[in-house]
């Protein structure tokens, strides 16, 4: 199993969110099957949608999180498929 390579640190999230968002990201990157990866990404997306709805952070940061989770999913599916 590969080690997580992406990080939320460059997004400069509020401290109270960084640990949770990183854990969600790592869940995607550590998935042991495509189904688990898809579920982990959906969990992360749902959490991010809640942050967006609650206006916890600027819209650009929210969008960056969505993009990061999608990149993680795409990478993990590629790894699992090889």
Protein backbone atom coordinates (compact mmCIF):
# COMPACT_ATOMS: atom_id res chain seq x y z
CA UNK A 1 0.00 0.00 0.00
CA UNK A 2 1.41 3.40 -0.94
CA UNK A 3 1.91 6.18 1.53
CA UNK A 4 -0.19 9.33 1.36
CA UNK A 5 1.51 11.94 -0.77
CA UNK A 6 -1.00 14.79 -0.88
CA UNK A 7 -1.54 17.19 2.00
CA UNK A 8 -4.02 19.87 2.98
CA UNK A 9 -1.21 21.94 4.55
CA UNK A 10 -0.70 24.17 1.48
CA UNK A 11 -4.36 25.20 1.69
CA UNK A 12 -3.72 26.95 5.01
CA UNK A 13 -6.97 25.78 6.54
CA UNK A 14 -8.09 26.96 9.97
CA UNK A 15 -6.36 24.90 12.66
CA UNK A 16 -9.63 23.36 13.85
CA UNK A 17 -10.20 21.88 10.37
CA UNK A 18 -6.77 20.89 9.15
CA UNK A 19 -6.50 17.63 11.09
CA UNK A 20 -9.97 16.40 10.06
CA UNK A 21 -9.50 17.32 6.41
CA UNK A 22 -6.09 15.64 6.34
CA UNK A 23 -7.58 12.48 7.85
CA UNK A 24 -10.28 12.45 5.16
CA UNK A 25 -7.62 12.91 2.48
CA UNK A 26 -5.51 10.08 3.88
CA UNK A 27 -8.57 7.84 3.93
CA UNK A 28 -8.85 8.27 0.17
CA UNK A 29 -5.14 7.70 -0.39
CA UNK A 30 -5.03 4.55 1.77
CA UNK A 31 -8.14 2.89 0.33
CA UNK A 32 -7.56 -0.77 -0.48
CA UNK A 33 -10.15 -0.99 -3.26
CA UNK A 34 -11.86 1.27 -5.76
CA UNK A 35 -15.14 1.05 -3.83
CA UNK A 36 -13.47 2.06 -0.59
CA UNK A 37 -11.72 4.94 -2.39
CA UNK A 38 -15.01 6.17 -3.85
CA UNK A 39 -16.74 5.98 -0.47
CA UNK A 40 -13.88 7.81 1.23
CA UNK A 41 -14.00 10.56 -1.41
CA UNK A 42 -17.75 10.90 -1.01
CA UNK A 43 -17.32 11.18 2.76
CA UNK A 44 -14.74 13.93 2.25
CA UNK A 45 -16.94 15.70 -0.31
CA UNK A 46 -19.93 15.58 2.04
CA UNK A 47 -17.89 17.05 4.87
CA UNK A 48 -16.64 19.79 2.55
CA UNK A 49 -20.18 20.53 1.35
CA UNK A 50 -21.19 21.04 4.97
CA UNK A 51 -18.29 23.45 5.45
CA UNK A 52 -19.38 25.30 2.32
CA UNK A 53 -23.00 25.47 3.46
CA UNK A 54 -21.98 26.73 6.90
CA UNK A 55 -19.63 29.29 5.29
CA UNK A 56 -16.83 28.22 7.60
CA UNK A 57 -14.13 29.34 5.18
CA UNK A 58 -13.78 31.28 1.94
CA UNK A 59 -15.32 29.67 -1.17
CA UNK A 60 -11.90 29.42 -2.84
CA UNK A 61 -10.60 27.25 0.01
CA UNK A 62 -13.66 25.05 -0.19
CA UNK A 63 -13.14 24.59 -3.92
CA UNK A 64 -9.45 23.79 -3.32
CA UNK A 65 -10.50 21.02 -0.94
CA UNK A 66 -12.86 19.53 -3.51
CA UNK A 67 -10.08 19.59 -6.12
CA UNK A 68 -7.58 18.01 -3.72
CA UNK A 69 -9.94 15.18 -2.81
CA UNK A 70 -10.66 14.55 -6.49
CA UNK A 71 -6.93 14.45 -7.27
CA UNK A 72 -6.43 11.96 -4.46
CA UNK A 73 -9.25 9.78 -5.75
CA UNK A 74 -7.98 9.84 -9.33
CA UNK A 75 -4.48 8.95 -8.17
CA UNK A 76 -5.62 6.16 -5.91
CA UNK A 77 -7.84 4.59 -8.56
CA UNK A 78 -4.90 4.69 -10.99
CA UNK A 79 -2.67 2.97 -8.40
CA UNK A 80 -5.27 0.33 -7.67
CA UNK A 81 -5.82 -0.35 -11.35
CA UNK A 82 -2.17 -1.01 -12.09
